[in-house]
Amino acid sequence: MAGALTLVGSNSRDTSGHACTGSGGYSDIAEGASVTVYDAAGKARAIGSLQHSDRMSTGACSFAITVPDVPDGEQIYQVEVTHRGKVSVTADAAKAGLVSLQLGN
């Protein structure tokens, strides 16, 4: 599974010219943060992480989501970044690398 997480607003900061990390209540959002994929019944099926990040022209930060070895057979998956709550995504979006999540204000 692949996609992106966008951290918007004043909740992101640039730490090294390119890498971003969350601040304040979003300090758990950084490269390497866990991403868990669940099946429709809520059973954890695969674990990955947030990968490289980039500061966008809007001031937001975009993190690549990479979760290897997500098993086939579901029509809907649930994706959770750290402890932020599950978001449902279609299997088609997951397979196509089109998972798109957003946090912040």
PDB file of N, CA and C in Angstrom:
ATOM      1  N   MET A   1       0.864  -1.168   0.000  1.00  0.00           N
ATOM      2  CA  MET A   1       0.000   0.000   0.000  1.00  0.00           C
ATOM      3  C   MET A   1       0.907   1.227   0.000  1.00  0.00           C
ATOM      4  N   ALA A   2       0.501   2.211  -0.752  1.00  0.00           N
ATOM      5  CA  ALA A   2       1.281   3.443  -0.829  1.00  0.00           C
ATOM      6  C   ALA A   2       0.343   4.635  -0.930  1.00  0.00           C
ATOM      7  N   GLY A   3       0.867   5.777  -0.569  1.00  0.00           N
ATOM      8  CA  GLY A   3       0.087   7.000  -0.642  1.00  0.00           C
ATOM      9  C   GLY A   3       0.810   8.127   0.057  1.00  0.00           C
ATOM     10  N   ALA A   4       0.042   9.066   0.598  1.00  0.00           N
ATOM     11  CA  ALA A   4       0.644  10.229   1.240  1.00  0.00           C
ATOM     12  C   ALA A   4      -0.220  10.713   2.401  1.00  0.00           C
ATOM     13  N   LEU A   5       0.438  11.255   3.389  1.00  0.00           N
ATOM     14  CA  LEU A   5      -0.202  11.941   4.506  1.00  0.00           C
ATOM     15  C   LEU A   5       0.239  13.390   4.436  1.00  0.00           C
ATOM     16  N   THR A   6      -0.713  14.313   4.453  1.00  0.00           N
ATOM     17  CA  THR A   6      -0.395  15.736   4.470  1.00  0.00           C
ATOM     18  C   THR A   6      -0.688  16.284   5.854  1.00  0.00           C
ATOM     19  N   LEU A   7       0.309  16.927   6.441  1.00  0.00           N
ATOM     20  CA  LEU A   7       0.160  17.597   7.729  1.00  0.00           C
ATOM     21  C   LEU A   7       0.095  19.088   7.442  1.00  0.00           C
ATOM     22  N   VAL A   8      -1.057  19.700   7.728  1.00  0.00           N
ATOM     23  CA  VAL A   8      -1.297  21.092   7.336  1.00  0.00           C
ATOM     24  C   VAL A   8      -1.256  22.037   8.528  1.00  0.00           C
ATOM     25  N   GLY A   9      -1.241  23.316   8.218  1.00  0.00           N
ATOM     26  CA  GLY A   9      -1.309  24.351   9.238  1.00  0.00           C
ATOM     27  C   GLY A   9       0.010  24.554   9.950  1.00  0.00           C
ATOM     28  N   SER A  10      -0.081  25.118  11.130  1.00  0.00           N
ATOM     29  CA  SER A  10       1.111  25.427  11.912  1.00  0.00           C
ATOM     30  C   SER A  10       1.600  24.217  12.685  1.00  0.00           C
ATOM     31  N   ASN A  11       1.079  23.046  12.347  1.00  0.00           N
ATOM     32  CA  ASN A  11       1.427  21.835  13.070  1.00  0.00           C
ATOM     33  C   ASN A  11       2.661  21.138  12.523  1.00  0.00           C
ATOM     34  N   SER A  12       3.284  21.703  11.505  1.00  0.00           N
ATOM     35  CA  SER A  12       4.458  21.055  10.924  1.00  0.00           C
ATOM     36  C   SER A  12       5.635  22.008  10.935  1.00  0.00           C
ATOM     37  N   ARG A  13       6.805  21.413  11.013  1.00  0.00           N
ATOM     38  CA  ARG A  13       8.019  22.213  10.943  1.00  0.00           C
ATOM     39  C   ARG A  13       9.060  21.474  10.141  1.00  0.00           C
ATOM     40  N   ASP A  14       9.935  22.217   9.525  1.00  0.00           N
ATOM     41  CA  ASP A  14      11.011  21.672   8.706  1.00  0.00           C
ATOM     42  C   ASP A  14      12.222  21.494   9.610  1.00  0.00           C
ATOM     43  N   THR A  15      12.749  20.262   9.678  1.00  0.00           N
ATOM     44  CA  THR A  15      13.831  20.007  10.617  1.00  0.00           C
ATOM     45  C   THR A  15      15.209  19.919   9.987  1.00  0.00           C
ATOM     46  N   SER A  16      15.286  19.756   8.672  1.00  0.00           N
ATOM     47  CA  SER A  16      16.614  19.583   8.084  1.00  0.00           C
ATOM     48  C   SER A  16      16.700  20.079   6.646  1.00  0.00           C
ATOM     49  N   GLY A  17      15.909  21.038   6.322  1.00  0.00           N
ATOM     50  CA  GLY A  17      15.902  21.516   4.950  1.00  0.00           C
ATOM     51  C   GLY A  17      14.924  20.760   4.072  1.00  0.00           C
ATOM     52  N   HIS A  18      14.657  19.513   4.380  1.00  0.00           N
ATOM     53  CA  HIS A  18      13.704  18.723   3.605  1.00  0.00           C
ATOM     54  C   HIS A  18      12.787  17.897   4.490  1.00  0.00           C
ATOM     55  N   ALA A  19      13.325  17.300   5.542  1.00  0.00           N
ATOM     56  CA  ALA A  19      12.511  16.442   6.405  1.00  0.00           C
ATOM     57  C   ALA A  19      11.606  17.291   7.290  1.00  0.00           C
ATOM     58  N   CYS A  20      10.378  16.843   7.442  1.00  0.00           N
ATOM     59  CA  CYS A  20       9.404  17.533   8.288  1.00  0.00           C
ATOM     60  C   CYS A  20       9.081  16.679   9.502  1.00  0.00           C
ATOM     61  N   THR A  21       8.549  17.325  10.498  1.00  0.00           N
ATOM     62  CA  THR A  21       8.026  16.634  11.660  1.00  0.00           C
ATOM     63  C   THR A  21       6.884  17.462  12.217  1.00  0.00           C
ATOM     64  N   GLY A  22       5.956  16.794  12.883  1.00  0.00           N
ATOM     65  CA  GLY A  22       4.853  17.507  13.501  1.00  0.00           C
ATOM     66  C   GLY A  22       5.317  18.224  14.751  1.00  0.00           C
ATOM     67  N   SER A  23       4.544  19.206  15.167  1.00  0.00           N
ATOM     68  CA  SER A  23       4.862  19.920  16.401  1.00  0.00           C
ATOM     69  C   SER A  23       3.611  19.986  17.268  1.00  0.00           C
ATOM     70  N   GLY A  24       3.810  20.362  18.522  1.00  0.00           N
ATOM     71  CA  GLY A  24       2.688  20.448  19.445  1.00  0.00           C
ATOM     72  C   GLY A  24       2.014  19.103  19.574  1.00  0.00           C
ATOM     73  N   GLY A  25       0.698  19.085  19.426  1.00  0.00           N
ATOM     74  CA  GLY A  25      -0.071  17.852  19.529  1.00  0.00           C
ATOM     75  C   GLY A  25       0.175  16.869  18.398  1.00  0.00           C
ATOM     76  N   TYR A  26       0.953  17.257  17.420  1.00  0.00           N
ATOM     77  CA  TYR A  26       1.257  16.390  16.285  1.00  0.00           C
ATOM     78  C   TYR A  26       2.717  15.944  16.293  1.00  0.00           C
ATOM     79  N   SER A  27       3.371  15.979  17.440  1.00  0.00           N
ATOM     80  CA  SER A  27       4.792  15.644  17.510  1.00  0.00           C
ATOM     81  C   SER A  27       5.064  14.167  17.210  1.00  0.00           C
ATOM     82  N   ASP A  28       4.031  13.338  17.163  1.00  0.00           N
ATOM     83  CA  ASP A  28       4.207  11.927  16.805  1.00  0.00           C
ATOM     84  C   ASP A  28       4.291  11.716  15.298  1.00  0.00           C
ATOM     85  N   ILE A  29       4.043  12.753  14.526  1.00  0.00           N
ATOM     86  CA  ILE A  29       4.079  12.637  13.064  1.00  0.00           C
ATOM     87  C   ILE A  29       5.464  13.015  12.573  1.00  0.00           C
ATOM     88  N   ALA A  30       6.184  12.008  12.096  1.00  0.00           N
ATOM     89  CA  ALA A  30       7.556  12.185  11.612  1.00  0.00           C
ATOM     90  C   ALA A  30       7.918  10.989  10.751  1.00  0.00           C
ATOM     91  N   GLU A  31       8.992  11.113  10.005  1.00  0.00           N
ATOM     92  CA  GLU A  31       9.470   9.976   9.237  1.00  0.00           C
ATOM     93  C   GLU A  31       9.696   8.812  10.188  1.00  0.00           C
ATOM     94  N   GLY A  32       9.236   7.634   9.810  1.00  0.00           N
ATOM     95  CA  GLY A  32       9.378   6.446  10.635  1.00  0.00           C
ATOM     96  C   GLY A  32       8.173   6.144  11.506  1.00  0.00           C
ATOM     97  N   ALA A  33       7.220   7.071  11.619  1.00  0.00           N
ATOM     98  CA  ALA A  33       6.022   6.829  12.424  1.00  0.00           C
ATOM     99  C   ALA A  33       5.244   5.648  11.846  1.00  0.00           C
ATOM    100  N   SER A  34       4.600   4.888  12.713  1.00  0.00           N
ATOM    101  CA  SER A  34       3.920   3.669  12.281  1.00  0.00           C
ATOM    102  C   SER A  34       2.632   3.948  11.505  1.00  0.00           C
ATOM    103  N   VAL A  35       2.381   3.089  10.533  1.00  0.00           N
ATOM    104  CA  VAL A  35       1.143   3.081   9.762  1.00  0.00           C
ATOM    105  C   VAL A  35       0.642   1.640   9.781  1.00  0.00           C
ATOM    106  N   THR A  36      -0.550   1.427  10.311  1.00  0.00           N
ATOM    107  CA  THR A  36      -1.111   0.083  10.421  1.00  0.00           C
ATOM    108  C   THR A  36      -2.301  -0.034   9.481  1.00  0.00           C
ATOM    109  N   VAL A  37      -2.361  -1.144   8.763  1.00  0.00           N
ATOM    110  CA  VAL A  37      -3.475  -1.435   7.861  1.00  0.00           C
ATOM    111  C   VAL A  37      -4.297  -2.560   8.483  1.00  0.00           C
ATOM    112  N   TYR A  38      -5.606  -2.321   8.579  1.00  0.00           N
ATOM    113  CA  TYR A  38      -6.550  -3.276   9.138  1.00  0.00           C
ATOM    114  C   TYR A  38      -7.505  -3.739   8.047  1.00  0.00           C
ATOM    115  N   ASP A  39      -8.041  -4.946   8.220  1.00  0.00           N
ATOM    116  CA  ASP A  39      -9.090  -5.386   7.307  1.00  0.00           C
ATOM    117  C   ASP A  39     -10.411  -4.744   7.732  1.00  0.00           C
ATOM    118  N   ALA A  40     -11.473  -5.034   7.002  1.00  0.00           N
ATOM    119  CA  ALA A  40     -12.767  -4.398   7.277  1.00  0.00           C
ATOM    120  C   ALA A  40     -13.305  -4.754   8.654  1.00  0.00           C
ATOM    121  N   ALA A  41     -12.891  -5.898   9.197  1.00  0.00           N
ATOM    122  CA  ALA A  41     -13.339  -6.322  10.526  1.00  0.00           C
ATOM    123  C   ALA A  41     -12.505  -5.711  11.654  1.00  0.00           C
ATOM    124  N   GLY A  42     -11.441  -4.985  11.297  1.00  0.00           N
ATOM    125  CA  GLY A  42     -10.621  -4.333  12.314  1.00  0.00           C
ATOM    126  C   GLY A  42      -9.405  -5.113  12.762  1.00  0.00           C
ATOM    127  N   LYS A  43      -9.076  -6.205  12.061  1.00  0.00           N
ATOM    128  CA  LYS A  43      -7.895  -6.999  12.404  1.00  0.00           C
ATOM    129  C   LYS A  43      -6.669  -6.424  11.699  1.00  0.00           C
ATOM    130  N   ALA A  44      -5.590  -6.178  12.457  1.00  0.00           N
ATOM    131  CA  ALA A  44      -4.354  -5.660  11.871  1.00  0.00           C
ATOM    132  C   ALA A  44      -3.810  -6.667  10.870  1.00  0.00           C
ATOM    133  N   ARG A  45      -3.494  -6.186   9.662  1.00  0.00           N
ATOM    134  CA  ARG A  45      -3.019  -7.065   8.595  1.00  0.00           C
ATOM    135  C   ARG A  45      -1.601  -6.759   8.143  1.00  0.00           C
ATOM    136  N   ALA A  46      -1.149  -5.507   8.293  1.00  0.00           N
ATOM    137  CA  ALA A  46       0.195  -5.133   7.861  1.00  0.00           C
ATOM    138  C   ALA A  46       0.613  -3.842   8.560  1.00  0.00           C
ATOM    139  N   ILE A  47       1.923  -3.701   8.735  1.00  0.00           N
ATOM    140  CA  ILE A  47       2.460  -2.503   9.385  1.00  0.00           C
ATOM    141  C   ILE A  47       3.555  -1.922   8.512  1.00  0.00           C
ATOM    142  N   GLY A  48       3.500  -0.615   8.345  1.00  0.00           N
ATOM    143  CA  GLY A  48       4.515   0.103   7.594  1.00  0.00           C
ATOM    144  C   GLY A  48       4.852   1.384   8.325  1.00  0.00           C
ATOM    145  N   SER A  49       5.253   2.390   7.565  1.00  0.00           N
ATOM    146  CA  SER A  49       5.656   3.640   8.214  1.00  0.00           C
ATOM    147  C   SER A  49       5.547   4.825   7.266  1.00  0.00           C
ATOM    148  N   LEU A  50       5.632   6.000   7.871  1.00  0.00           N
ATOM    149  CA  LEU A  50       5.772   7.218   7.087  1.00  0.00           C
ATOM    150  C   LEU A  50       7.219   7.280   6.622  1.00  0.00           C
ATOM    151  N   GLN A  51       7.398   7.588   5.365  1.00  0.00           N
ATOM    152  CA  GLN A  51       8.733   7.643   4.781  1.00  0.00           C
ATOM    153  C   GLN A  51       9.127   9.102   4.538  1.00  0.00           C
ATOM    154  N   HIS A  52       9.903   9.337   3.525  1.00  0.00           N
ATOM    155  CA  HIS A  52      10.435  10.681   3.266  1.00  0.00           C
ATOM    156  C   HIS A  52       9.332  11.744   3.283  1.00  0.00           C
ATOM    157  N   SER A  53       9.723  12.921   3.683  1.00  0.00           N
ATOM    158  CA  SER A  53       8.774  14.036   3.769  1.00  0.00           C
ATOM    159  C   SER A  53       9.327  15.235   3.022  1.00  0.00           C
ATOM    160  N   ASP A  54       8.422  16.072   2.592  1.00  0.00           N
ATOM    161  CA  ASP A  54       8.798  17.294   1.883  1.00  0.00           C
ATOM    162  C   ASP A  54       7.894  18.428   2.315  1.00  0.00           C
ATOM    163  N   ARG A  55       8.465  19.608   2.445  1.00  0.00           N
ATOM    164  CA  ARG A  55       7.689  20.808   2.708  1.00  0.00           C
ATOM    165  C   ARG A  55       7.069  21.251   1.398  1.00  0.00           C
ATOM    166  N   MET A  56       5.761  21.475   1.412  1.00  0.00           N
ATOM    167  CA  MET A  56       5.040  21.909   0.220  1.00  0.00           C
ATOM    168  C   MET A  56       5.025  23.436   0.154  1.00  0.00           C
ATOM    169  N   SER A  57       4.726  23.986  -0.997  1.00  0.00           N
ATOM    170  CA  SER A  57       4.712  25.444  -1.162  1.00  0.00           C
ATOM    171  C   SER A  57       3.662  26.107  -0.270  1.00  0.00           C
ATOM    172  N   THR A  58       2.648  25.354   0.147  1.00  0.00           N
ATOM    173  CA  THR A  58       1.601  25.884   1.024  1.00  0.00           C
ATOM    174  C   THR A  58       2.042  25.964   2.481  1.00  0.00           C
ATOM    175  N   GLY A  59       3.219  25.391   2.787  1.00  0.00           N
ATOM    176  CA  GLY A  59       3.693  25.334   4.161  1.00  0.00           C
ATOM    177  C   GLY A  59       3.377  24.015   4.830  1.00  0.00           C
ATOM    178  N   ALA A  60       2.528  23.216   4.225  1.00  0.00           N
ATOM    179  CA  ALA A  60       2.211  21.893   4.761  1.00  0.00           C
ATOM    180  C   ALA A  60       3.367  20.939   4.491  1.00  0.00           C
ATOM    181  N   CYS A  61       3.347  19.808   5.153  1.00  0.00           N
ATOM    182  CA  CYS A  61       4.334  18.761   4.916  1.00  0.00           C
ATOM    183  C   CYS A  61       3.631  17.535   4.362  1.00  0.00           C
ATOM    184  N   SER A  62       4.256  16.900   3.400  1.00  0.00           N
ATOM    185  CA  SER A  62       3.734  15.681   2.815  1.00  0.00           C
ATOM    186  C   SER A  62       4.683  14.534   3.147  1.00  0.00           C
ATOM    187  N   PHE A  63       4.132  13.458   3.703  1.00  0.00           N
ATOM    188  CA  PHE A  63       4.889  12.261   4.046  1.00  0.00           C
ATOM    189  C   PHE A  63       4.435  11.119   3.145  1.00  0.00           C
ATOM    190  N   ALA A  64       5.379  10.380   2.604  1.00  0.00           N
ATOM    191  CA  ALA A  64       5.028   9.191   1.836  1.00  0.00           C
ATOM    192  C   ALA A  64       4.608   8.088   2.798  1.00  0.00           C
ATOM    193  N   ILE A  65       3.548   7.379   2.449  1.00  0.00           N
ATOM    194  CA  ILE A  65       3.078   6.225   3.221  1.00  0.00           C
ATOM    195  C   ILE A  65       3.513   4.966   2.472  1.00  0.00           C
ATOM    196  N   THR A  66       4.191   4.073   3.181  1.00  0.00           N
ATOM    197  CA  THR A  66       4.586   2.808   2.594  1.00  0.00           C
ATOM    198  C   THR A  66       4.244   1.681   3.565  1.00  0.00           C
ATOM    199  N   VAL A  67       3.404   0.754   3.114  1.00  0.00           N
ATOM    200  CA  VAL A  67       3.054  -0.428   3.914  1.00  0.00           C
ATOM    201  C   VAL A  67       3.212  -1.643   3.004  1.00  0.00           C
ATOM    202  N   PRO A  68       4.306  -2.403   3.186  1.00  0.00           N
ATOM    203  CA  PRO A  68       4.504  -3.581   2.342  1.00  0.00           C
ATOM    204  C   PRO A  68       3.632  -4.752   2.786  1.00  0.00           C
ATOM    205  N   ASP A  69       3.443  -5.679   1.877  1.00  0.00           N
ATOM    206  CA  ASP A  69       2.817  -6.970   2.172  1.00  0.00           C
ATOM    207  C   ASP A  69       1.387  -6.886   2.706  1.00  0.00           C
ATOM    208  N   VAL A  70       0.609  -5.937   2.202  1.00  0.00           N
ATOM    209  CA  VAL A  70      -0.817  -5.895   2.558  1.00  0.00           C
ATOM    210  C   VAL A  70      -1.495  -7.026   1.801  1.00  0.00           C
ATOM    211  N   PRO A  71      -2.154  -7.933   2.507  1.00  0.00           N
ATOM    212  CA  PRO A  71      -2.768  -9.076   1.817  1.00  0.00           C
ATOM    213  C   PRO A  71      -3.959  -8.648   0.949  1.00  0.00           C
ATOM    214  N   ASP A  72      -4.126  -9.338  -0.159  1.00  0.00           N
ATOM    215  CA  ASP A  72      -5.280  -9.115  -1.031  1.00  0.00           C
ATOM    216  C   ASP A  72      -6.530  -9.710  -0.395  1.00  0.00           C
ATOM    217  N   GLY A  73      -7.669  -9.421  -0.992  1.00  0.00           N
ATOM    218  CA  GLY A  73      -8.897 -10.081  -0.586  1.00  0.00           C
ATOM    219  C   GLY A  73      -9.909  -9.187   0.104  1.00  0.00           C
ATOM    220  N   GLU A  74      -9.555  -7.959   0.392  1.00  0.00           N
ATOM    221  CA  GLU A  74     -10.487  -7.026   1.019  1.00  0.00           C
ATOM    222  C   GLU A  74     -10.953  -6.014  -0.017  1.00  0.00           C
ATOM    223  N   GLN A  75     -12.165  -5.522   0.142  1.00  0.00           N
ATOM    224  CA  GLN A  75     -12.627  -4.430  -0.706  1.00  0.00           C
ATOM    225  C   GLN A  75     -12.365  -3.087  -0.037  1.00  0.00           C
ATOM    226  N   ILE A  76     -12.360  -3.095   1.284  1.00  0.00           N
ATOM    227  CA  ILE A  76     -12.094  -1.894   2.069  1.00  0.00           C
ATOM    228  C   ILE A  76     -11.018  -2.220   3.104  1.00  0.00           C
ATOM    229  N   TYR A  77     -10.069  -1.319   3.244  1.00  0.00           N
ATOM    230  CA  TYR A  77      -9.066  -1.408   4.301  1.00  0.00           C
ATOM    231  C   TYR A  77      -9.243  -0.198   5.213  1.00  0.00           C
ATOM    232  N   GLN A  78      -8.739  -0.330   6.426  1.00  0.00           N
ATOM    233  CA  GLN A  78      -8.686   0.799   7.342  1.00  0.00           C
ATOM    234  C   GLN A  78      -7.210   1.101   7.594  1.00  0.00           C
ATOM    235  N   VAL A  79      -6.856   2.371   7.542  1.00  0.00           N
ATOM    236  CA  VAL A  79      -5.465   2.788   7.705  1.00  0.00           C
ATOM    237  C   VAL A  79      -5.387   3.708   8.914  1.00  0.00           C
ATOM    238  N   GLU A  80      -4.380   3.471   9.769  1.00  0.00           N
ATOM    239  CA  GLU A  80      -4.198   4.311  10.952  1.00  0.00           C
ATOM    240  C   GLU A  80      -2.740   4.727  11.059  1.00  0.00           C
ATOM    241  N   VAL A  81      -2.519   6.029  11.162  1.00  0.00           N
ATOM    242  CA  VAL A  81      -1.178   6.575  11.369  1.00  0.00           C
ATOM    243  C   VAL A  81      -1.026   6.832  12.861  1.00  0.00           C
ATOM    244  N   THR A  82      -0.020   6.260  13.466  1.00  0.00           N
ATOM    245  CA  THR A  82       0.225   6.254  14.911  1.00  0.00           C
ATOM    246  C   THR A  82      -1.079   5.904  15.632  1.00  0.00           C
ATOM    247  N   HIS A  83      -1.630   6.801  16.395  1.00  0.00           N
ATOM    248  CA  HIS A  83      -2.867   6.561  17.161  1.00  0.00           C
ATOM    249  C   HIS A  83      -3.999   7.474  16.697  1.00  0.00           C
ATOM    250  N   ARG A  84      -3.931   7.943  15.467  1.00  0.00           N
ATOM    251  CA  ARG A  84      -4.807   9.008  14.975  1.00  0.00           C
ATOM    252  C   ARG A  84      -6.192   8.565  14.528  1.00  0.00           C
ATOM    253  N   GLY A  85      -6.525   7.313  14.674  1.00  0.00           N
ATOM    254  CA  GLY A  85      -7.838   6.843  14.251  1.00  0.00           C
ATOM    255  C   GLY A  85      -7.779   6.248  12.860  1.00  0.00           C
ATOM    256  N   LYS A  86      -8.668   5.321  12.617  1.00  0.00           N
ATOM    257  CA  LYS A  86      -8.702   4.587  11.355  1.00  0.00           C
ATOM    258  C   LYS A  86      -9.486   5.352  10.294  1.00  0.00           C
ATOM    259  N   VAL A  87      -8.961   5.313   9.081  1.00  0.00           N
ATOM    260  CA  VAL A  87      -9.602   5.916   7.921  1.00  0.00           C
ATOM    261  C   VAL A  87      -9.802   4.803   6.899  1.00  0.00           C
ATOM    262  N   SER A  88     -11.002   4.677   6.364  1.00  0.00           N
ATOM    263  CA  SER A  88     -11.292   3.645   5.371  1.00  0.00           C
ATOM    264  C   SER A  88     -10.823   4.065   3.994  1.00  0.00           C
ATOM    265  N   VAL A  89     -10.217   3.111   3.278  1.00  0.00           N
ATOM    266  CA  VAL A  89      -9.785   3.333   1.896  1.00  0.00           C
ATOM    267  C   VAL A  89     -10.179   2.112   1.081  1.00  0.00           C
ATOM    268  N   THR A  90     -10.432   2.305  -0.182  1.00  0.00           N
ATOM    269  CA  THR A  90     -10.790   1.183  -1.038  1.00  0.00           C
ATOM    270  C   THR A  90      -9.548   0.380  -1.412  1.00  0.00           C
ATOM    271  N   ALA A  91      -9.755  -0.888  -1.727  1.00  0.00           N
ATOM    272  CA  ALA A  91      -8.650  -1.727  -2.166  1.00  0.00           C
ATOM    273  C   ALA A  91      -8.044  -1.180  -3.453  1.00  0.00           C
ATOM    274  N   ASP A  92      -8.885  -0.651  -4.337  1.00  0.00           N
ATOM    275  CA  ASP A  92      -8.374  -0.086  -5.594  1.00  0.00           C
ATOM    276  C   ASP A  92      -7.432   1.080  -5.332  1.00  0.00           C
ATOM    277  N   ALA A  93      -7.813   1.976  -4.424  1.00  0.00           N
ATOM    278  CA  ALA A  93      -6.946   3.108  -4.092  1.00  0.00           C
ATOM    279  C   ALA A  93      -5.652   2.625  -3.453  1.00  0.00           C
ATOM    280  N   ALA A  94      -5.755   1.629  -2.574  1.00  0.00           N
ATOM    281  CA  ALA A  94      -4.574   1.098  -1.901  1.00  0.00           C
ATOM    282  C   ALA A  94      -3.601   0.488  -2.906  1.00  0.00           C
ATOM    283  N   LYS A  95      -4.120  -0.296  -3.834  1.00  0.00           N
ATOM    284  CA  LYS A  95      -3.273  -0.955  -4.827  1.00  0.00           C
ATOM    285  C   LYS A  95      -2.653   0.037  -5.799  1.00  0.00           C
ATOM    286  N   ALA A  96      -3.371   1.101  -6.095  1.00  0.00           N
ATOM    287  CA  ALA A  96      -2.891   2.094  -7.052  1.00  0.00           C
ATOM    288  C   ALA A  96      -1.963   3.130  -6.423  1.00  0.00           C
ATOM    289  N   GLY A  97      -1.740   3.050  -5.117  1.00  0.00           N
ATOM    290  CA  GLY A  97      -0.879   4.037  -4.448  1.00  0.00           C
ATOM    291  C   GLY A  97      -1.565   5.372  -4.268  1.00  0.00           C
ATOM    292  N   LEU A  98      -2.896   5.379  -4.184  1.00  0.00           N
ATOM    293  CA  LEU A  98      -3.652   6.617  -4.131  1.00  0.00           C
ATOM    294  C   LEU A  98      -4.239   6.915  -2.743  1.00  0.00           C
ATOM    295  N   VAL A  99      -3.701   6.289  -1.700  1.00  0.00           N
ATOM    296  CA  VAL A  99      -4.167   6.579  -0.354  1.00  0.00           C
ATOM    297  C   VAL A  99      -3.752   8.012  -0.028  1.00  0.00           C
ATOM    298  N   SER A 100      -4.720   8.836   0.364  1.00  0.00           N
ATOM    299  CA  SER A 100      -4.458  10.245   0.642  1.00  0.00           C
ATOM    300  C   SER A 100      -5.100  10.620   1.967  1.00  0.00           C
ATOM    301  N   LEU A 101      -4.277  10.908   2.971  1.00  0.00           N
ATOM    302  CA  LEU A 101      -4.755  11.261   4.312  1.00  0.00           C
ATOM    303  C   LEU A 101      -4.313  12.668   4.651  1.00  0.00           C
ATOM    304  N   GLN A 102      -5.036  13.305   5.573  1.00  0.00           N
ATOM    305  CA  GLN A 102      -4.695  14.676   5.983  1.00  0.00           C
ATOM    306  C   GLN A 102      -4.914  14.843   7.484  1.00  0.00           C
ATOM    307  N   LEU A 103      -3.999  15.539   8.116  1.00  0.00           N
ATOM    308  CA  LEU A 103      -4.086  15.890   9.531  1.00  0.00           C
ATOM    309  C   LEU A 103      -3.831  17.380   9.689  1.00  0.00           C
ATOM    310  N   GLY A 104      -4.372  17.977  10.726  1.00  0.00           N
ATOM    311  CA  GLY A 104      -4.107  19.371  11.037  1.00  0.00           C
ATOM    312  C   GLY A 104      -5.284  20.260  10.725  1.00  0.00           C
ATOM    313  N   ASN A 105      -5.045  21.541  10.850  1.00  0.00           N
ATOM    314  CA  ASN A 105      -6.139  22.504  10.661  1.00  0.00           C
ATOM    315  C   ASN A 105      -5.980  23.289   9.385  1.00  0.00           C
TER     316      ASN A 105
END
